[in-house]
Amino acid sequence: MTIDAPRNENPTGRIITITPTGGDVPPIVLAIHNEVFEPGSLTLTEGITALLYDDLDFRGLVHDALSRHCSGDWGNVSEDDREANNLALKEGGRLMSVYSFPPMPRIWIITEADRSRTTILLPDEY
């Protein structure tokens, strides 16, 4: 599922609304604050999408992870990966964050080098 994440007029950050197709499932609203780069379109893998709609706690974790990623908090990556992300942020390059919230599944977030797309996925979906 791909969602455009346009900047809105909210001065405190970006609001992303994920509206499922079909069914009576309410939309998911994510707010991103203090972003240090434009995340582009947001892509959610099947595994992430299923968990978002099945588990409200997981929804909160994804929200926190996406906000952290867009603000330059790379989560549970090695020091080398953290340095690579910081350099990629300045010079252009792919950004990757890893977030662990036991007992929930680990989340990966990858933003393409051209900042056109950010993908949230489970590690086994890579």
N, C-alpha and C. Protein backbone atom coordinates (compact mmCIF):
# COMPACT_ATOMS: atom_id res chain seq x y z
N MET A 1 0.85 -1.15 0.00
CA MET A 1 0.00 0.00 0.00
C MET A 1 0.90 1.23 0.00
N THR A 2 0.67 2.16 -0.91
CA THR A 2 1.43 3.39 -0.98
C THR A 2 0.52 4.56 -0.67
N ILE A 3 1.00 5.46 0.18
CA ILE A 3 0.24 6.61 0.61
C ILE A 3 1.07 7.84 0.34
N ASP A 4 0.50 8.83 -0.33
CA ASP A 4 1.21 10.09 -0.48
C ASP A 4 1.24 10.77 0.88
N ALA A 5 2.34 11.40 1.19
CA ALA A 5 2.50 12.05 2.48
C ALA A 5 2.78 13.54 2.28
N PRO A 6 1.80 14.26 1.74
CA PRO A 6 2.06 15.68 1.48
C PRO A 6 2.16 16.47 2.78
N ARG A 7 2.95 17.52 2.73
CA ARG A 7 3.02 18.43 3.89
C ARG A 7 1.72 19.20 3.92
N ASN A 8 1.12 19.27 5.07
CA ASN A 8 -0.12 20.02 5.21
C ASN A 8 0.18 21.38 5.82
N GLU A 9 -0.85 22.10 6.15
CA GLU A 9 -0.67 23.44 6.71
C GLU A 9 -0.45 23.43 8.21
N ASN A 10 -0.35 22.24 8.82
CA ASN A 10 -0.13 22.14 10.25
C ASN A 10 1.30 22.58 10.56
N PRO A 11 1.48 23.67 11.31
CA PRO A 11 2.83 24.18 11.56
C PRO A 11 3.67 23.26 12.46
N THR A 12 3.06 22.30 13.12
CA THR A 12 3.82 21.44 14.02
C THR A 12 4.32 20.18 13.34
N GLY A 13 3.99 19.94 12.09
CA GLY A 13 4.48 18.75 11.42
C GLY A 13 3.57 18.28 10.30
N ARG A 14 3.84 17.09 9.85
CA ARG A 14 3.10 16.47 8.74
C ARG A 14 2.07 15.50 9.31
N ILE A 15 0.88 15.51 8.74
CA ILE A 15 -0.16 14.56 9.12
C ILE A 15 -0.35 13.61 7.94
N ILE A 16 -0.26 12.31 8.20
CA ILE A 16 -0.47 11.30 7.17
C ILE A 16 -1.71 10.50 7.56
N THR A 17 -2.65 10.39 6.63
CA THR A 17 -3.85 9.61 6.87
C THR A 17 -3.82 8.38 5.97
N ILE A 18 -3.93 7.21 6.57
CA ILE A 18 -3.95 5.95 5.83
C ILE A 18 -5.38 5.47 5.82
N THR A 19 -5.97 5.43 4.65
CA THR A 19 -7.36 5.02 4.51
C THR A 19 -7.40 3.70 3.75
N PRO A 20 -7.88 2.63 4.39
CA PRO A 20 -7.93 1.34 3.70
C PRO A 20 -9.02 1.32 2.64
N THR A 21 -8.84 0.44 1.66
CA THR A 21 -9.88 0.28 0.65
C THR A 21 -10.81 -0.84 1.08
N GLY A 22 -12.10 -0.58 0.99
CA GLY A 22 -13.10 -1.58 1.35
C GLY A 22 -13.24 -1.77 2.84
N GLY A 23 -14.36 -2.32 3.24
CA GLY A 23 -14.58 -2.62 4.65
C GLY A 23 -14.92 -1.38 5.45
N ASP A 24 -15.16 -1.60 6.71
CA ASP A 24 -15.52 -0.51 7.62
C ASP A 24 -14.39 -0.21 8.59
N VAL A 25 -13.16 -0.30 8.13
CA VAL A 25 -12.01 -0.06 8.98
C VAL A 25 -11.73 1.44 8.99
N PRO A 26 -11.62 2.04 10.18
CA PRO A 26 -11.35 3.48 10.23
C PRO A 26 -9.95 3.81 9.74
N PRO A 27 -9.75 5.03 9.26
CA PRO A 27 -8.42 5.43 8.82
C PRO A 27 -7.45 5.51 9.99
N ILE A 28 -6.18 5.42 9.67
CA ILE A 28 -5.11 5.58 10.65
C ILE A 28 -4.48 6.94 10.39
N VAL A 29 -4.31 7.72 11.43
CA VAL A 29 -3.70 9.04 11.30
C VAL A 29 -2.35 9.02 12.02
N LEU A 30 -1.30 9.39 11.29
CA LEU A 30 0.04 9.47 11.84
C LEU A 30 0.51 10.92 11.77
N ALA A 31 1.12 11.40 12.82
CA ALA A 31 1.68 12.75 12.84
C ALA A 31 3.19 12.65 12.95
N ILE A 32 3.88 13.38 12.10
CA ILE A 32 5.35 13.40 12.12
C ILE A 32 5.78 14.80 12.54
N HIS A 33 6.59 14.86 13.58
CA HIS A 33 7.07 16.14 14.11
C HIS A 33 8.58 16.21 13.96
N ASN A 34 9.09 17.39 13.82
CA ASN A 34 10.54 17.64 13.80
C ASN A 34 11.27 16.87 12.71
N GLU A 35 10.66 16.75 11.54
CA GLU A 35 11.33 15.99 10.49
C GLU A 35 12.54 16.76 9.96
N VAL A 36 13.59 15.99 9.66
CA VAL A 36 14.83 16.57 9.15
C VAL A 36 15.02 16.29 7.66
N PHE A 37 14.07 15.56 7.07
CA PHE A 37 14.07 15.32 5.62
C PHE A 37 12.64 15.02 5.19
N GLU A 38 12.40 15.17 3.90
CA GLU A 38 11.10 14.86 3.31
C GLU A 38 11.02 13.36 3.05
N PRO A 39 10.06 12.65 3.61
CA PRO A 39 10.02 11.19 3.44
C PRO A 39 9.44 10.72 2.11
N GLY A 40 8.87 11.61 1.30
CA GLY A 40 8.26 11.20 0.04
C GLY A 40 7.01 10.39 0.29
N SER A 41 6.64 9.56 -0.68
CA SER A 41 5.48 8.69 -0.52
C SER A 41 5.78 7.62 0.51
N LEU A 42 4.79 7.21 1.23
CA LEU A 42 4.93 6.19 2.26
C LEU A 42 4.40 4.87 1.73
N THR A 43 5.23 3.83 1.77
CA THR A 43 4.81 2.50 1.34
C THR A 43 4.82 1.58 2.55
N LEU A 44 3.72 0.86 2.73
CA LEU A 44 3.60 -0.12 3.80
C LEU A 44 3.52 -1.50 3.17
N THR A 45 4.32 -2.43 3.66
CA THR A 45 4.26 -3.79 3.15
C THR A 45 3.01 -4.49 3.66
N GLU A 46 2.71 -5.64 3.08
CA GLU A 46 1.52 -6.40 3.49
C GLU A 46 1.56 -6.76 4.97
N GLY A 47 2.73 -7.17 5.44
CA GLY A 47 2.86 -7.56 6.85
C GLY A 47 2.60 -6.39 7.79
N ILE A 48 3.16 -5.24 7.46
CA ILE A 48 2.94 -4.04 8.29
C ILE A 48 1.48 -3.64 8.24
N THR A 49 0.89 -3.62 7.05
CA THR A 49 -0.51 -3.23 6.92
C THR A 49 -1.42 -4.14 7.74
N ALA A 50 -1.20 -5.43 7.65
CA ALA A 50 -2.04 -6.37 8.41
C ALA A 50 -1.93 -6.12 9.90
N LEU A 51 -0.70 -5.94 10.39
CA LEU A 51 -0.52 -5.70 11.82
C LEU A 51 -1.09 -4.36 12.26
N LEU A 52 -1.01 -3.34 11.40
CA LEU A 52 -1.57 -2.03 11.74
C LEU A 52 -3.07 -2.12 12.03
N TYR A 53 -3.76 -2.95 11.25
CA TYR A 53 -5.21 -3.04 11.40
C TYR A 53 -5.63 -4.09 12.41
N ASP A 54 -4.70 -4.95 12.80
CA ASP A 54 -5.04 -6.00 13.77
C ASP A 54 -4.66 -5.65 15.20
N ASP A 55 -3.76 -4.71 15.39
CA ASP A 55 -3.20 -4.49 16.73
C ASP A 55 -3.00 -3.00 16.98
N LEU A 56 -3.81 -2.42 17.85
CA LEU A 56 -3.70 -0.99 18.14
C LEU A 56 -2.36 -0.63 18.78
N ASP A 57 -1.80 -1.53 19.58
CA ASP A 57 -0.49 -1.26 20.16
C ASP A 57 0.58 -1.16 19.08
N PHE A 58 0.52 -2.06 18.10
CA PHE A 58 1.48 -2.03 17.00
C PHE A 58 1.33 -0.73 16.21
N ARG A 59 0.12 -0.28 16.03
CA ARG A 59 -0.13 0.98 15.33
C ARG A 59 0.63 2.12 16.01
N GLY A 60 0.57 2.18 17.33
CA GLY A 60 1.29 3.21 18.06
C GLY A 60 2.80 3.10 17.90
N LEU A 61 3.30 1.87 17.86
CA LEU A 61 4.73 1.66 17.69
C LEU A 61 5.20 2.11 16.31
N VAL A 62 4.41 1.82 15.27
CA VAL A 62 4.77 2.26 13.92
C VAL A 62 4.76 3.78 13.85
N HIS A 63 3.76 4.38 14.48
CA HIS A 63 3.70 5.84 14.52
C HIS A 63 4.95 6.41 15.16
N ASP A 64 5.35 5.88 16.31
CA ASP A 64 6.55 6.36 17.00
C ASP A 64 7.80 6.13 16.15
N ALA A 65 7.89 4.96 15.52
CA ALA A 65 9.07 4.64 14.71
C ALA A 65 9.18 5.57 13.52
N LEU A 66 8.08 5.83 12.84
CA LEU A 66 8.12 6.72 11.68
C LEU A 66 8.50 8.14 12.10
N SER A 67 7.95 8.61 13.20
CA SER A 67 8.31 9.94 13.69
C SER A 67 9.79 10.02 14.04
N ARG A 68 10.30 8.98 14.68
CA ARG A 68 11.71 8.95 15.05
C ARG A 68 12.59 8.93 13.80
N HIS A 69 12.23 8.10 12.83
CA HIS A 69 13.01 7.99 11.58
C HIS A 69 13.09 9.35 10.89
N CYS A 70 11.96 10.01 10.74
CA CYS A 70 11.93 11.28 10.02
C CYS A 70 12.60 12.42 10.79
N SER A 71 12.84 12.22 12.07
CA SER A 71 13.54 13.24 12.86
C SER A 71 15.03 12.93 13.03
N GLY A 72 15.50 11.84 12.38
CA GLY A 72 16.92 11.51 12.43
C GLY A 72 17.34 10.62 13.58
N ASP A 73 16.37 10.01 14.25
CA ASP A 73 16.67 9.02 15.30
C ASP A 73 16.59 7.66 14.62
N TRP A 74 17.72 7.02 14.40
CA TRP A 74 17.79 5.82 13.57
C TRP A 74 17.50 4.53 14.33
N GLY A 75 17.16 4.63 15.60
CA GLY A 75 16.75 3.46 16.36
C GLY A 75 17.89 2.54 16.71
N ASN A 76 17.67 1.23 16.53
CA ASN A 76 18.59 0.19 16.97
C ASN A 76 19.54 -0.24 15.85
N VAL A 77 20.29 0.72 15.30
CA VAL A 77 21.29 0.39 14.29
C VAL A 77 22.67 0.46 14.93
N SER A 78 23.65 -0.13 14.26
CA SER A 78 25.03 -0.09 14.77
C SER A 78 25.56 1.34 14.67
N GLU A 79 26.65 1.60 15.34
CA GLU A 79 27.27 2.93 15.28
C GLU A 79 27.71 3.24 13.84
N ASP A 80 28.22 2.23 13.13
CA ASP A 80 28.61 2.44 11.72
C ASP A 80 27.41 2.83 10.87
N ASP A 81 26.28 2.13 11.06
CA ASP A 81 25.06 2.46 10.30
C ASP A 81 24.53 3.84 10.67
N ARG A 82 24.64 4.19 11.95
CA ARG A 82 24.20 5.52 12.40
C ARG A 82 25.03 6.60 11.70
N GLU A 83 26.34 6.41 11.66
CA GLU A 83 27.22 7.37 10.98
C GLU A 83 26.92 7.42 9.49
N ALA A 84 26.66 6.26 8.88
CA ALA A 84 26.32 6.22 7.45
C ALA A 84 25.02 6.97 7.18
N ASN A 85 24.03 6.80 8.05
CA ASN A 85 22.77 7.53 7.89
C ASN A 85 22.98 9.03 8.03
N ASN A 86 23.77 9.44 9.01
CA ASN A 86 24.01 10.88 9.19
C ASN A 86 24.72 11.48 7.99
N LEU A 87 25.67 10.74 7.41
CA LEU A 87 26.34 11.20 6.20
C LEU A 87 25.37 11.24 5.02
N ALA A 88 24.54 10.18 4.89
CA ALA A 88 23.55 10.12 3.81
C ALA A 88 22.54 11.26 3.92
N LEU A 89 22.23 11.65 5.12
CA LEU A 89 21.30 12.76 5.34
C LEU A 89 21.89 14.06 4.78
N LYS A 90 23.19 14.25 4.94
CA LYS A 90 23.85 15.47 4.48
C LYS A 90 24.17 15.43 2.98
N GLU A 91 24.63 14.26 2.51
CA GLU A 91 25.15 14.18 1.14
C GLU A 91 24.22 13.48 0.17
N GLY A 92 23.13 12.96 0.66
CA GLY A 92 22.21 12.21 -0.18
C GLY A 92 22.60 10.75 -0.16
N GLY A 93 21.69 9.91 0.14
CA GLY A 93 21.92 8.48 0.23
C GLY A 93 20.74 7.84 0.93
N ARG A 94 20.68 6.54 0.86
CA ARG A 94 19.58 5.80 1.47
C ARG A 94 19.68 5.88 2.98
N LEU A 95 18.54 6.00 3.63
CA LEU A 95 18.45 6.04 5.08
C LEU A 95 17.73 4.79 5.57
N MET A 96 18.28 4.15 6.59
CA MET A 96 17.63 2.95 7.12
C MET A 96 17.63 2.99 8.64
N SER A 97 16.47 2.75 9.20
CA SER A 97 16.31 2.68 10.65
C SER A 97 15.75 1.32 11.04
N VAL A 98 16.06 0.92 12.26
CA VAL A 98 15.58 -0.34 12.81
C VAL A 98 15.02 -0.04 14.20
N TYR A 99 13.82 -0.52 14.46
CA TYR A 99 13.19 -0.28 15.76
C TYR A 99 12.71 -1.59 16.33
N SER A 100 13.06 -1.80 17.59
CA SER A 100 12.65 -3.01 18.30
C SER A 100 11.78 -2.61 19.48
N PHE A 101 10.63 -3.25 19.56
CA PHE A 101 9.69 -3.01 20.64
C PHE A 101 9.17 -4.35 21.16
N PRO A 102 10.04 -5.17 21.80
CA PRO A 102 9.58 -6.48 22.24
C PRO A 102 8.33 -6.37 23.11
N PRO A 103 7.38 -7.25 22.96
CA PRO A 103 7.39 -8.47 22.16
C PRO A 103 6.90 -8.28 20.72
N MET A 104 6.70 -7.04 20.30
CA MET A 104 6.23 -6.78 18.93
C MET A 104 7.36 -7.09 17.94
N PRO A 105 7.00 -7.30 16.68
CA PRO A 105 8.03 -7.56 15.67
C PRO A 105 8.92 -6.34 15.45
N ARG A 106 10.14 -6.60 15.05
CA ARG A 106 11.09 -5.53 14.69
C ARG A 106 10.57 -4.85 13.42
N ILE A 107 10.79 -3.54 13.33
CA ILE A 107 10.34 -2.74 12.19
C ILE A 107 11.57 -2.15 11.50
N TRP A 108 11.60 -2.24 10.17
CA TRP A 108 12.61 -1.54 9.39
C TRP A 108 11.93 -0.40 8.65
N ILE A 109 12.60 0.73 8.56
CA ILE A 109 12.11 1.86 7.76
C ILE A 109 13.25 2.29 6.86
N ILE A 110 12.97 2.33 5.56
CA ILE A 110 13.98 2.67 4.56
C ILE A 110 13.48 3.83 3.71
N THR A 111 14.28 4.89 3.62
CA THR A 111 13.97 6.01 2.74
C THR A 111 14.98 5.99 1.60
N GLU A 112 14.46 6.06 0.38
CA GLU A 112 15.31 6.03 -0.80
C GLU A 112 16.22 7.25 -0.85
N ALA A 113 17.34 7.12 -1.54
CA ALA A 113 18.34 8.18 -1.61
C ALA A 113 17.77 9.48 -2.18
N ASP A 114 16.84 9.37 -3.12
CA ASP A 114 16.26 10.58 -3.72
C ASP A 114 15.10 11.14 -2.90
N ARG A 115 14.81 10.50 -1.75
CA ARG A 115 13.75 10.91 -0.81
C ARG A 115 12.35 10.85 -1.45
N SER A 116 12.20 10.03 -2.49
CA SER A 116 10.90 9.91 -3.15
C SER A 116 9.97 8.96 -2.42
N ARG A 117 10.52 8.03 -1.63
CA ARG A 117 9.69 7.01 -1.01
C ARG A 117 10.32 6.54 0.29
N THR A 118 9.46 6.31 1.28
CA THR A 118 9.85 5.69 2.53
C THR A 118 9.01 4.44 2.70
N THR A 119 9.67 3.33 2.98
CA THR A 119 8.99 2.05 3.12
C THR A 119 9.12 1.55 4.55
N ILE A 120 7.98 1.12 5.10
CA ILE A 120 7.97 0.49 6.42
C ILE A 120 7.72 -0.99 6.18
N LEU A 121 8.60 -1.83 6.72
CA LEU A 121 8.51 -3.26 6.46
C LEU A 121 8.99 -4.07 7.65
N LEU A 122 8.65 -5.35 7.61
CA LEU A 122 9.18 -6.31 8.54
C LEU A 122 10.47 -6.87 7.93
N PRO A 123 11.47 -7.23 8.73
CA PRO A 123 12.73 -7.70 8.17
C PRO A 123 12.59 -8.86 7.19
N ASP A 124 11.66 -9.76 7.42
CA ASP A 124 11.51 -10.90 6.49
C ASP A 124 10.81 -10.52 5.19
N GLU A 125 10.42 -9.26 5.04
CA GLU A 125 9.80 -8.80 3.79
C GLU A 125 10.80 -8.07 2.90
N TYR A 126 12.06 -8.01 3.31
CA TYR A 126 13.08 -7.30 2.53
C TYR A 126 13.47 -8.11 1.33
